[in-house]
Amino acid sequence: MTRTPHDNFAKDYFEELLSPLGKVETSRVVTDEARQIDILFSPSSPPTVPSESLDLLGRLVNQTSSIEIFRNQPNLFQVLMCANKLYSYFAELNRLARREDRSLDVEGLGKLLIISTTASADLLDGFGATLDLEINCNGVYSFPKNWFGTIIAVNKLPVTNETLWLRILGRGKVQRSAVDELLALPETNVYKQNTLRLIANWRILIIKQLNLTDDDQEIVMNLSTAYIEWEQKTLEQGKESGREEGKLEGRLEGELQGTQKIIMRLVNQRFGEIGQRSHKQIRKLSTEQLEELTDVLFTLSATTDLEEWLENRLK
């Protein structure tokens, strides 16, 4: 099944956020047919970190959850298919319980969480979804009890610290605001740095595509500030690594080598493996030229552009 950069990011993102709280299975195949649950989350007892560290998201995943994520509002059929996958998973659990001759705890089966950038009144009304009184947060709507489902409209969530980890998956100014809030978090936040890394990888995957849609360009713009911070921190780590090596090999030479390693990692993320000639040319660049390459790297659309840039700098 073809997956977009948004799908890949969303799965990696929730795996990163939820792993300390329990078991995360991405692309979970249900045995009824070859259908995949985006994310199947089963909480641990006790979790590695308190669920409160994820605020609203932590409260939403207080039991086994089938999580389905949409960049665009799902239509009627898509919501039905999300529910169908959950019910197929329930049927799987029921078959297992019968084979083991034990009763099934219906209340503990789990629930469906549909996370969408938007959810119209028509969509919510059509499924009888109303504001979840237990969660008590705008943007969180529960289906009738035996649907076992909740839909989160990211654009309707209040702009508070409690909703940050969900608003990262929003669109337009909702996402841009969430990224700015992420950057403002203290460095001690357990999720900040890994989330920045995942956002950077998401942006890189989008830029590597040949023809960017308007939506792709919007995501790139929204994620740019987070990417720049991640890039700067990565380079600083490379320089620090170089300084450590410099204790043995000469401080300036060690710093240059550390920077080269980081640049090569960024180049490989951008283009995949590059030729030996380009490798050698990058090793010949000065510290100033390496920093210049970092500035322009993600404006280069192909390895031929990189090769041309290197040739011009080493004339």
C-alpha atoms as a PDB file:
ATOM      1  CA  MET A   1       0.000   0.000   0.000  1.00  0.00           C
ATOM      2  CA  THR A   2       1.405   3.407  -1.011  1.00  0.00           C
ATOM      3  CA  ARG A   3       2.017   5.720   1.906  1.00  0.00           C
ATOM      4  CA  THR A   4       2.497   9.490   1.771  1.00  0.00           C
ATOM      5  CA  PRO A   5       5.149  11.332   3.806  1.00  0.00           C
ATOM      6  CA  HIS A   6       2.295  12.481   6.064  1.00  0.00           C
ATOM      7  CA  ASP A   7       1.309   8.850   6.746  1.00  0.00           C
ATOM      8  CA  ASN A   8       4.915   7.896   7.476  1.00  0.00           C
ATOM      9  CA  PHE A   9       5.430  10.883   9.762  1.00  0.00           C
ATOM     10  CA  ALA A  10       2.163  10.320  11.613  1.00  0.00           C
ATOM     11  CA  LYS A  11       2.989   6.683  12.319  1.00  0.00           C
ATOM     12  CA  ASP A  12       6.569   7.433  13.410  1.00  0.00           C
ATOM     13  CA  TYR A  13       5.335  10.393  15.449  1.00  0.00           C
ATOM     14  CA  PHE A  14       2.748   8.417  17.400  1.00  0.00           C
ATOM     15  CA  GLU A  15       5.178   5.545  17.865  1.00  0.00           C
ATOM     16  CA  GLU A  16       7.639   8.033  19.375  1.00  0.00           C
ATOM     17  CA  LEU A  17       5.041   9.663  21.626  1.00  0.00           C
ATOM     18  CA  LEU A  18       3.223   6.539  22.765  1.00  0.00           C
ATOM     19  CA  SER A  19       6.043   3.982  23.128  1.00  0.00           C
ATOM     20  CA  PRO A  20       6.874   5.137  26.682  1.00  0.00           C
ATOM     21  CA  LEU A  21       3.233   4.533  27.600  1.00  0.00           C
ATOM     22  CA  GLY A  22       2.795   1.085  26.075  1.00  0.00           C
ATOM     23  CA  LYS A  23       2.994  -1.154  23.019  1.00  0.00           C
ATOM     24  CA  VAL A  24       2.666   0.464  19.594  1.00  0.00           C
ATOM     25  CA  GLU A  25       2.030  -1.513  16.387  1.00  0.00           C
ATOM     26  CA  THR A  26       2.050   0.395  13.117  1.00  0.00           C
ATOM     27  CA  SER A  27       0.318  -0.895   9.968  1.00  0.00           C
ATOM     28  CA  ARG A  28      -1.320  -3.629  12.056  1.00  0.00           C
ATOM     29  CA  VAL A  29      -2.832  -6.241   9.720  1.00  0.00           C
ATOM     30  CA  VAL A  30      -6.211  -7.605  10.825  1.00  0.00           C
ATOM     31  CA  THR A  31      -6.808 -11.196   9.789  1.00  0.00           C
ATOM     32  CA  ASP A  32     -10.309 -10.821   8.311  1.00  0.00           C
ATOM     33  CA  GLU A  33      -8.877  -9.232   5.144  1.00  0.00           C
ATOM     34  CA  ALA A  34      -5.636  -7.518   4.197  1.00  0.00           C
ATOM     35  CA  ARG A  35      -6.586  -4.248   5.884  1.00  0.00           C
ATOM     36  CA  GLN A  36      -4.252  -2.334   8.122  1.00  0.00           C
ATOM     37  CA  ILE A  37      -4.984  -0.354  11.245  1.00  0.00           C
ATOM     38  CA  ASP A  38      -2.801   2.757  11.067  1.00  0.00           C
ATOM     39  CA  ILE A  39      -1.713   2.475  14.696  1.00  0.00           C
ATOM     40  CA  LEU A  40      -2.803  -0.056  17.300  1.00  0.00           C
ATOM     41  CA  PHE A  41      -1.839   1.110  20.783  1.00  0.00           C
ATOM     42  CA  SER A  42      -1.994  -1.046  23.923  1.00  0.00           C
ATOM     43  CA  PRO A  43      -1.080   0.740  27.189  1.00  0.00           C
ATOM     44  CA  SER A  44       1.537  -0.707  29.510  1.00  0.00           C
ATOM     45  CA  SER A  45       1.179  -0.998  33.244  1.00  0.00           C
ATOM     46  CA  PRO A  46       3.055   0.920  34.397  1.00  0.00           C
ATOM     47  CA  PRO A  47       4.186   3.043  31.413  1.00  0.00           C
ATOM     48  CA  THR A  48       7.791   4.249  31.089  1.00  0.00           C
ATOM     49  CA  VAL A  49       6.616   7.835  31.568  1.00  0.00           C
ATOM     50  CA  PRO A  50       3.323   9.078  33.028  1.00  0.00           C
ATOM     51  CA  SER A  51       0.538   9.401  30.459  1.00  0.00           C
ATOM     52  CA  GLU A  52       0.017  12.951  31.775  1.00  0.00           C
ATOM     53  CA  SER A  53       3.191  13.967  29.927  1.00  0.00           C
ATOM     54  CA  LEU A  54       1.171  13.828  26.692  1.00  0.00           C
ATOM     55  CA  ASP A  55      -1.699  15.825  28.182  1.00  0.00           C
ATOM     56  CA  LEU A  56      -4.865  15.400  26.056  1.00  0.00           C
ATOM     57  CA  LEU A  57      -3.370  12.651  23.889  1.00  0.00           C
ATOM     58  CA  GLY A  58      -2.420  10.724  27.023  1.00  0.00           C
ATOM     59  CA  ARG A  59      -5.987  10.951  28.299  1.00  0.00           C
ATOM     60  CA  LEU A  60      -7.413   9.764  24.986  1.00  0.00           C
ATOM     61  CA  VAL A  61      -5.304   6.578  24.892  1.00  0.00           C
ATOM     62  CA  ASN A  62      -6.208   5.324  28.364  1.00  0.00           C
ATOM     63  CA  GLN A  63      -7.111   1.929  26.835  1.00  0.00           C
ATOM     64  CA  THR A  64      -6.315  -0.092  23.713  1.00  0.00           C
ATOM     65  CA  SER A  65      -6.820   2.277  20.778  1.00  0.00           C
ATOM     66  CA  SER A  66      -7.083   1.866  17.031  1.00  0.00           C
ATOM     67  CA  ILE A  67      -5.767   5.210  15.754  1.00  0.00           C
ATOM     68  CA  GLU A  68      -6.530   6.382  12.208  1.00  0.00           C
ATOM     69  CA  ILE A  69      -5.038   9.667  10.988  1.00  0.00           C
ATOM     70  CA  PHE A  70      -6.253  11.856   8.110  1.00  0.00           C
ATOM     71  CA  ARG A  71      -4.593  14.844   6.493  1.00  0.00           C
ATOM     72  CA  ASN A  72      -7.928  15.649   4.822  1.00  0.00           C
ATOM     73  CA  GLN A  73     -11.366  15.152   6.347  1.00  0.00           C
ATOM     74  CA  PRO A  74     -12.461  11.517   5.899  1.00  0.00           C
ATOM     75  CA  ASN A  75     -15.614  10.839   3.951  1.00  0.00           C
ATOM     76  CA  LEU A  76     -18.464   8.575   5.018  1.00  0.00           C
ATOM     77  CA  PHE A  77     -16.919   5.464   3.481  1.00  0.00           C
ATOM     78  CA  GLN A  78     -13.512   6.110   5.062  1.00  0.00           C
ATOM     79  CA  VAL A  79     -15.010   6.437   8.539  1.00  0.00           C
ATOM     80  CA  LEU A  80     -16.956   3.212   7.996  1.00  0.00           C
ATOM     81  CA  MET A  81     -13.772   1.436   6.919  1.00  0.00           C
ATOM     82  CA  CYS A  82     -11.981   2.682  10.050  1.00  0.00           C
ATOM     83  CA  ALA A  83     -14.770   1.235  12.167  1.00  0.00           C
ATOM     84  CA  ASN A  84     -14.730  -1.976  10.136  1.00  0.00           C
ATOM     85  CA  LYS A  85     -11.038  -2.504  10.835  1.00  0.00           C
ATOM     86  CA  LEU A  86     -11.637  -2.034  14.548  1.00  0.00           C
ATOM     87  CA  TYR A  87     -14.539  -4.476  14.545  1.00  0.00           C
ATOM     88  CA  SER A  88     -12.468  -7.018  12.605  1.00  0.00           C
ATOM     89  CA  TYR A  89      -9.837  -6.702  15.322  1.00  0.00           C
ATOM     90  CA  PHE A  90     -12.551  -7.226  17.946  1.00  0.00           C
ATOM     91  CA  ALA A  91     -13.679 -10.355  16.058  1.00  0.00           C
ATOM     92  CA  GLU A  92     -10.102 -11.615  16.111  1.00  0.00           C
ATOM     93  CA  LEU A  93      -9.971 -11.159  19.887  1.00  0.00           C
ATOM     94  CA  ASN A  94     -13.330 -12.896  20.249  1.00  0.00           C
ATOM     95  CA  ARG A  95     -12.158 -15.918  18.239  1.00  0.00           C
ATOM     96  CA  LEU A  96      -9.052 -16.151  20.395  1.00  0.00           C
ATOM     97  CA  ALA A  97     -11.106 -15.957  23.599  1.00  0.00           C
ATOM     98  CA  ARG A  98     -13.403 -18.761  22.412  1.00  0.00           C
ATOM     99  CA  ARG A  99     -10.439 -20.966  21.541  1.00  0.00           C
ATOM    100  CA  GLU A 100      -9.073 -20.378  25.031  1.00  0.00           C
ATOM    101  CA  ASP A 101     -12.543 -20.923  26.554  1.00  0.00           C
ATOM    102  CA  ARG A 102     -12.645 -17.602  28.377  1.00  0.00           C
ATOM    103  CA  SER A 103     -15.038 -14.678  28.399  1.00  0.00           C
ATOM    104  CA  LEU A 104     -14.220 -11.434  26.636  1.00  0.00           C
ATOM    105  CA  ASP A 105     -14.222  -8.154  28.544  1.00  0.00           C
ATOM    106  CA  VAL A 106     -16.307  -5.976  26.215  1.00  0.00           C
ATOM    107  CA  GLU A 107     -15.538  -2.783  28.135  1.00  0.00           C
ATOM    108  CA  GLY A 108     -11.823  -3.409  27.771  1.00  0.00           C
ATOM    109  CA  LEU A 109     -11.827  -4.255  24.058  1.00  0.00           C
ATOM    110  CA  GLY A 110     -10.635  -0.844  22.992  1.00  0.00           C
ATOM    111  CA  LYS A 111     -11.845   2.080  20.941  1.00  0.00           C
ATOM    112  CA  LEU A 112     -11.383   3.904  17.658  1.00  0.00           C
ATOM    113  CA  LEU A 113      -9.660   7.297  17.535  1.00  0.00           C
ATOM    114  CA  ILE A 114      -9.991   9.142  14.231  1.00  0.00           C
ATOM    115  CA  ILE A 115      -7.671  12.151  14.129  1.00  0.00           C
ATOM    116  CA  SER A 116      -8.491  14.550  11.299  1.00  0.00           C
ATOM    117  CA  THR A 117      -7.351  18.069  10.492  1.00  0.00           C
ATOM    118  CA  THR A 118     -11.045  19.003  10.200  1.00  0.00           C
ATOM    119  CA  ALA A 119     -14.477  17.487  10.844  1.00  0.00           C
ATOM    120  CA  SER A 120     -17.567  19.187   9.471  1.00  0.00           C
ATOM    121  CA  ALA A 121     -20.871  19.442  11.304  1.00  0.00           C
ATOM    122  CA  ASP A 122     -22.423  17.185   8.644  1.00  0.00           C
ATOM    123  CA  LEU A 123     -19.834  14.474   9.267  1.00  0.00           C
ATOM    124  CA  LEU A 124     -20.279  14.631  13.036  1.00  0.00           C
ATOM    125  CA  ASP A 125     -24.073  14.743  12.853  1.00  0.00           C
ATOM    126  CA  GLY A 126     -24.152  11.849  10.403  1.00  0.00           C
ATOM    127  CA  PHE A 127     -22.452   9.584  12.923  1.00  0.00           C
ATOM    128  CA  GLY A 128     -24.212  11.029  15.954  1.00  0.00           C
ATOM    129  CA  ALA A 129     -20.905  12.344  17.319  1.00  0.00           C
ATOM    130  CA  THR A 130     -21.224  14.844  20.151  1.00  0.00           C
ATOM    131  CA  LEU A 131     -18.806  16.682  22.380  1.00  0.00           C
ATOM    132  CA  ASP A 132     -17.161  14.143  24.683  1.00  0.00           C
ATOM    133  CA  LEU A 133     -18.324  15.165  28.150  1.00  0.00           C
ATOM    134  CA  GLU A 134     -15.752  13.002  29.909  1.00  0.00           C
ATOM    135  CA  ILE A 135     -12.796  14.491  28.026  1.00  0.00           C
ATOM    136  CA  ASN A 136     -14.482  17.910  28.069  1.00  0.00           C
ATOM    137  CA  CYS A 137     -12.412  19.531  25.354  1.00  0.00           C
ATOM    138  CA  ASN A 138     -13.597  21.325  22.233  1.00  0.00           C
ATOM    139  CA  GLY A 139     -12.697  19.333  19.125  1.00  0.00           C
ATOM    140  CA  VAL A 140     -13.126  15.913  20.760  1.00  0.00           C
ATOM    141  CA  TYR A 141     -16.379  14.190  19.778  1.00  0.00           C
ATOM    142  CA  SER A 142     -17.633  10.760  20.767  1.00  0.00           C
ATOM    143  CA  PHE A 143     -19.835   8.480  18.691  1.00  0.00           C
ATOM    144  CA  PRO A 144     -22.733   6.688  20.410  1.00  0.00           C
ATOM    145  CA  LYS A 145     -21.534   4.164  23.001  1.00  0.00           C
ATOM    146  CA  ASN A 146     -21.578   0.963  20.959  1.00  0.00           C
ATOM    147  CA  TRP A 147     -19.676   2.574  18.092  1.00  0.00           C
ATOM    148  CA  PHE A 148     -16.612   2.566  20.391  1.00  0.00           C
ATOM    149  CA  GLY A 149     -15.320   5.648  18.606  1.00  0.00           C
ATOM    150  CA  THR A 150     -14.076   9.194  18.979  1.00  0.00           C
ATOM    151  CA  ILE A 151     -13.186  11.739  16.312  1.00  0.00           C
ATOM    152  CA  ILE A 152     -10.734  14.558  17.000  1.00  0.00           C
ATOM    153  CA  ALA A 153     -11.047  17.667  14.812  1.00  0.00           C
ATOM    154  CA  VAL A 154      -7.589  19.185  15.171  1.00  0.00           C
ATOM    155  CA  ASN A 155      -8.638  22.615  13.900  1.00  0.00           C
ATOM    156  CA  LYS A 156     -11.249  22.912  16.680  1.00  0.00           C
ATOM    157  CA  LEU A 157      -8.905  22.074  19.554  1.00  0.00           C
ATOM    158  CA  PRO A 158      -8.143  24.965  21.909  1.00  0.00           C
ATOM    159  CA  VAL A 159      -4.642  26.423  21.567  1.00  0.00           C
ATOM    160  CA  THR A 160      -3.237  25.238  24.892  1.00  0.00           C
ATOM    161  CA  ASN A 161      -0.253  23.213  26.032  1.00  0.00           C
ATOM    162  CA  GLU A 162      -2.616  20.289  26.600  1.00  0.00           C
ATOM    163  CA  THR A 163      -3.446  19.964  22.881  1.00  0.00           C
ATOM    164  CA  LEU A 164       0.032  20.575  21.416  1.00  0.00           C
ATOM    165  CA  TRP A 165       0.875  16.986  20.497  1.00  0.00           C
ATOM    166  CA  LEU A 166      -2.317  16.683  18.458  1.00  0.00           C
ATOM    167  CA  ARG A 167      -2.101  20.115  16.815  1.00  0.00           C
ATOM    168  CA  ILE A 168       1.269  19.149  15.289  1.00  0.00           C
ATOM    169  CA  LEU A 169      -0.890  17.155  12.826  1.00  0.00           C
ATOM    170  CA  GLY A 170      -2.994  20.168  11.855  1.00  0.00           C
ATOM    171  CA  ARG A 171      -2.924  22.297   8.725  1.00  0.00           C
ATOM    172  CA  GLY A 172      -1.998  25.898   7.955  1.00  0.00           C
ATOM    173  CA  LYS A 173      -1.715  28.263  10.897  1.00  0.00           C
ATOM    174  CA  VAL A 174      -2.810  25.504  13.314  1.00  0.00           C
ATOM    175  CA  GLN A 175       0.279  23.485  12.472  1.00  0.00           C
ATOM    176  CA  ARG A 176       2.597  26.507  12.265  1.00  0.00           C
ATOM    177  CA  SER A 177       1.505  27.639  15.710  1.00  0.00           C
ATOM    178  CA  ALA A 178       2.040  24.155  17.135  1.00  0.00           C
ATOM    179  CA  VAL A 179       5.548  23.985  15.647  1.00  0.00           C
ATOM    180  CA  ASP A 180       6.410  27.352  17.230  1.00  0.00           C
ATOM    181  CA  GLU A 181       5.123  26.083  20.578  1.00  0.00           C
ATOM    182  CA  LEU A 182       7.176  22.908  20.199  1.00  0.00           C
ATOM    183  CA  LEU A 183      10.316  24.988  19.624  1.00  0.00           C
ATOM    184  CA  ALA A 184       9.530  27.020  22.759  1.00  0.00           C
ATOM    185  CA  LEU A 185       9.409  23.931  24.983  1.00  0.00           C
ATOM    186  CA  PRO A 186      12.338  23.526  27.386  1.00  0.00           C
ATOM    187  CA  GLU A 187      15.175  21.285  26.221  1.00  0.00           C
ATOM    188  CA  THR A 188      14.370  18.973  29.125  1.00  0.00           C
ATOM    189  CA  ASN A 189      11.024  17.987  27.575  1.00  0.00           C
ATOM    190  CA  VAL A 190      11.216  14.241  26.945  1.00  0.00           C
ATOM    191  CA  TYR A 191       9.546  14.446  23.530  1.00  0.00           C
ATOM    192  CA  LYS A 192      10.955  17.652  22.047  1.00  0.00           C
ATOM    193  CA  GLN A 193      14.184  16.558  20.363  1.00  0.00           C
ATOM    194  CA  ASN A 194      12.869  13.327  18.879  1.00  0.00           C
ATOM    195  CA  THR A 195       9.795  15.135  17.581  1.00  0.00           C
ATOM    196  CA  LEU A 196      12.038  17.717  15.901  1.00  0.00           C
ATOM    197  CA  ARG A 197      13.998  14.876  14.298  1.00  0.00           C
ATOM    198  CA  LEU A 198      10.812  13.256  12.991  1.00  0.00           C
ATOM    199  CA  ILE A 199       9.569  16.592  11.637  1.00  0.00           C
ATOM    200  CA  ALA A 200      12.904  17.133   9.875  1.00  0.00           C
ATOM    201  CA  ASN A 201      12.689  13.686   8.293  1.00  0.00           C
ATOM    202  CA  TRP A 202       9.093  14.387   7.207  1.00  0.00           C
ATOM    203  CA  ARG A 203      10.184  17.603   5.509  1.00  0.00           C
ATOM    204  CA  ILE A 204      13.105  15.845   3.827  1.00  0.00           C
ATOM    205  CA  LEU A 205      10.830  13.111   2.462  1.00  0.00           C
ATOM    206  CA  ILE A 206       8.477  15.711   0.996  1.00  0.00           C
ATOM    207  CA  ILE A 207      11.243  17.734  -0.641  1.00  0.00           C
ATOM    208  CA  LYS A 208      12.683  14.586  -2.240  1.00  0.00           C
ATOM    209  CA  GLN A 209       9.452  14.164  -4.225  1.00  0.00           C
ATOM    210  CA  LEU A 210       9.650  15.315  -7.831  1.00  0.00           C
ATOM    211  CA  ASN A 211       6.394  17.250  -8.086  1.00  0.00           C
ATOM    212  CA  LEU A 212       5.267  19.013  -4.938  1.00  0.00           C
ATOM    213  CA  THR A 213       1.559  19.714  -4.554  1.00  0.00           C
ATOM    214  CA  ASP A 214       0.221  22.852  -2.905  1.00  0.00           C
ATOM    215  CA  ASP A 215      -0.347  20.777   0.232  1.00  0.00           C
ATOM    216  CA  ASP A 216       3.256  19.524   0.132  1.00  0.00           C
ATOM    217  CA  GLN A 217       4.541  23.098  -0.169  1.00  0.00           C
ATOM    218  CA  GLU A 218       2.362  24.163   2.757  1.00  0.00           C
ATOM    219  CA  ILE A 219       3.789  21.381   4.933  1.00  0.00           C
ATOM    220  CA  VAL A 220       7.362  22.307   3.961  1.00  0.00           C
ATOM    221  CA  MET A 221       6.676  25.920   4.955  1.00  0.00           C
ATOM    222  CA  ASN A 222       5.001  24.923   8.215  1.00  0.00           C
ATOM    223  CA  LEU A 223       7.885  22.667   9.213  1.00  0.00           C
ATOM    224  CA  SER A 224      10.737  24.933   8.124  1.00  0.00           C
ATOM    225  CA  THR A 225      11.403  26.585  11.483  1.00  0.00           C
ATOM    226  CA  ALA A 226      11.496  23.217  13.232  1.00  0.00           C
ATOM    227  CA  TYR A 227      13.755  21.834  10.517  1.00  0.00           C
ATOM    228  CA  ILE A 228      16.187  24.754  10.812  1.00  0.00           C
ATOM    229  CA  GLU A 229      16.444  24.299  14.580  1.00  0.00           C
ATOM    230  CA  TRP A 230      17.005  20.551  14.183  1.00  0.00           C
ATOM    231  CA  GLU A 231      19.642  21.203  11.498  1.00  0.00           C
ATOM    232  CA  GLN A 232      21.458  23.733  13.658  1.00  0.00           C
ATOM    233  CA  LYS A 233      21.468  21.393  16.641  1.00  0.00           C
ATOM    234  CA  THR A 234      22.707  18.559  14.441  1.00  0.00           C
ATOM    235  CA  LEU A 235      25.562  20.704  13.176  1.00  0.00           C
ATOM    236  CA  GLU A 236      26.379  21.835  16.707  1.00  0.00           C
ATOM    237  CA  GLN A 237      26.539  18.180  17.759  1.00  0.00           C
ATOM    238  CA  GLY A 238      28.864  17.517  14.842  1.00  0.00           C
ATOM    239  CA  LYS A 239      31.117  20.374  15.841  1.00  0.00           C
ATOM    240  CA  GLU A 240      31.096  19.214  19.460  1.00  0.00           C
ATOM    241  CA  SER A 241      31.947  15.704  18.295  1.00  0.00           C
ATOM    242  CA  GLY A 242      34.729  17.211  16.221  1.00  0.00           C
ATOM    243  CA  ARG A 243      36.068  19.119  19.196  1.00  0.00           C
ATOM    244  CA  GLU A 244      36.241  15.895  21.177  1.00  0.00           C
ATOM    245  CA  GLU A 245      38.131  14.242  18.337  1.00  0.00           C
ATOM    246  CA  GLY A 246      40.275  17.353  18.164  1.00  0.00           C
ATOM    247  CA  LYS A 247      41.745  16.604  21.567  1.00  0.00           C
ATOM    248  CA  LEU A 248      43.622  13.787  19.866  1.00  0.00           C
ATOM    249  CA  GLU A 249      43.892  14.987  16.254  1.00  0.00           C
ATOM    250  CA  GLY A 250      44.121  18.756  16.560  1.00  0.00           C
ATOM    251  CA  ARG A 251      41.158  20.909  17.532  1.00  0.00           C
ATOM    252  CA  LEU A 252      40.470  22.541  14.162  1.00  0.00           C
ATOM    253  CA  GLU A 253      40.938  19.365  12.157  1.00  0.00           C
ATOM    254  CA  GLY A 254      38.724  17.421  14.528  1.00  0.00           C
ATOM    255  CA  GLU A 255      35.946  20.028  14.312  1.00  0.00           C
ATOM    256  CA  LEU A 256      36.122  19.947  10.504  1.00  0.00           C
ATOM    257  CA  GLN A 257      35.863  16.147  10.443  1.00  0.00           C
ATOM    258  CA  GLY A 258      32.882  16.195  12.777  1.00  0.00           C
ATOM    259  CA  THR A 259      31.118  18.740  10.576  1.00  0.00           C
ATOM    260  CA  GLN A 260      31.874  16.655   7.481  1.00  0.00           C
ATOM    261  CA  LYS A 261      30.208  13.618   9.069  1.00  0.00           C
ATOM    262  CA  ILE A 262      27.044  15.550   9.811  1.00  0.00           C
ATOM    263  CA  ILE A 263      26.952  17.068   6.325  1.00  0.00           C
ATOM    264  CA  MET A 264      27.338  13.610   4.785  1.00  0.00           C
ATOM    265  CA  ARG A 265      24.425  12.357   6.894  1.00  0.00           C
ATOM    266  CA  LEU A 266      22.248  15.241   5.678  1.00  0.00           C
ATOM    267  CA  VAL A 267      23.315  14.663   2.056  1.00  0.00           C
ATOM    268  CA  ASN A 268      22.438  10.972   2.302  1.00  0.00           C
ATOM    269  CA  GLN A 269      19.040  11.800   3.789  1.00  0.00           C
ATOM    270  CA  ARG A 270      18.424  14.248   0.954  1.00  0.00           C
ATOM    271  CA  PHE A 271      19.619  12.191  -2.024  1.00  0.00           C
ATOM    272  CA  GLY A 272      20.377   8.681  -0.827  1.00  0.00           C
ATOM    273  CA  GLU A 273      23.808   7.319  -1.674  1.00  0.00           C
ATOM    274  CA  ILE A 274      25.983   9.647  -3.753  1.00  0.00           C
ATOM    275  CA  GLY A 275      29.027   8.885  -5.914  1.00  0.00           C
ATOM    276  CA  GLN A 276      32.593   8.530  -4.655  1.00  0.00           C
ATOM    277  CA  ARG A 277      33.628  11.695  -6.509  1.00  0.00           C
ATOM    278  CA  SER A 278      31.086  13.770  -4.590  1.00  0.00           C
ATOM    279  CA  HIS A 279      32.208  12.130  -1.334  1.00  0.00           C
ATOM    280  CA  LYS A 280      35.793  13.157  -1.988  1.00  0.00           C
ATOM    281  CA  GLN A 281      34.782  16.664  -2.994  1.00  0.00           C
ATOM    282  CA  ILE A 282      32.816  17.194   0.222  1.00  0.00           C
ATOM    283  CA  ARG A 283      35.881  16.133   2.216  1.00  0.00           C
ATOM    284  CA  LYS A 284      37.848  18.880   0.457  1.00  0.00           C
ATOM    285  CA  LEU A 285      35.443  21.641   1.487  1.00  0.00           C
ATOM    286  CA  SER A 286      36.479  24.146   4.123  1.00  0.00           C
ATOM    287  CA  THR A 287      34.408  24.751   7.223  1.00  0.00           C
ATOM    288  CA  GLU A 288      32.915  27.866   5.615  1.00  0.00           C
ATOM    289  CA  GLN A 289      32.043  25.937   2.447  1.00  0.00           C
ATOM    290  CA  LEU A 290      30.449  23.144   4.484  1.00  0.00           C
ATOM    291  CA  GLU A 291      28.246  25.689   6.243  1.00  0.00           C
ATOM    292  CA  GLU A 292      27.345  27.184   2.864  1.00  0.00           C
ATOM    293  CA  LEU A 293      26.408  23.705   1.592  1.00  0.00           C
ATOM    294  CA  THR A 294      24.145  23.243   4.599  1.00  0.00           C
ATOM    295  CA  ASP A 295      22.337  26.474   3.749  1.00  0.00           C
ATOM    296  CA  VAL A 296      21.648  25.466   0.136  1.00  0.00           C
ATOM    297  CA  LEU A 297      21.349  21.685   0.464  1.00  0.00           C
ATOM    298  CA  PHE A 298      17.583  21.495   0.493  1.00  0.00           C
ATOM    299  CA  THR A 299      17.226  23.895  -2.417  1.00  0.00           C
ATOM    300  CA  LEU A 300      19.047  21.337  -4.609  1.00  0.00           C
ATOM    301  CA  SER A 301      16.545  19.042  -6.282  1.00  0.00           C
ATOM    302  CA  ALA A 302      18.820  16.313  -7.678  1.00  0.00           C
ATOM    303  CA  THR A 303      22.304  14.824  -7.294  1.00  0.00           C
ATOM    304  CA  THR A 304      23.310  16.586 -10.518  1.00  0.00           C
ATOM    305  CA  ASP A 305      22.623  19.928  -8.803  1.00  0.00           C
ATOM    306  CA  LEU A 306      24.837  18.860  -5.906  1.00  0.00           C
ATOM    307  CA  GLU A 307      27.593  17.779  -8.277  1.00  0.00           C
ATOM    308  CA  GLU A 308      27.419  21.105 -10.126  1.00  0.00           C
ATOM    309  CA  TRP A 309      27.542  23.040  -6.840  1.00  0.00           C
ATOM    310  CA  LEU A 310      30.615  21.085  -5.693  1.00  0.00           C
ATOM    311  CA  GLU A 311      32.371  21.574  -9.027  1.00  0.00           C
ATOM    312  CA  ASN A 312      31.838  25.333  -8.822  1.00  0.00           C
ATOM    313  CA  ARG A 313      33.184  25.546  -5.266  1.00  0.00           C
ATOM    314  CA  LEU A 314      36.321  23.502  -5.961  1.00  0.00           C
ATOM    315  CA  LYS A 315      37.437  25.140  -9.198  1.00  0.00           C
END
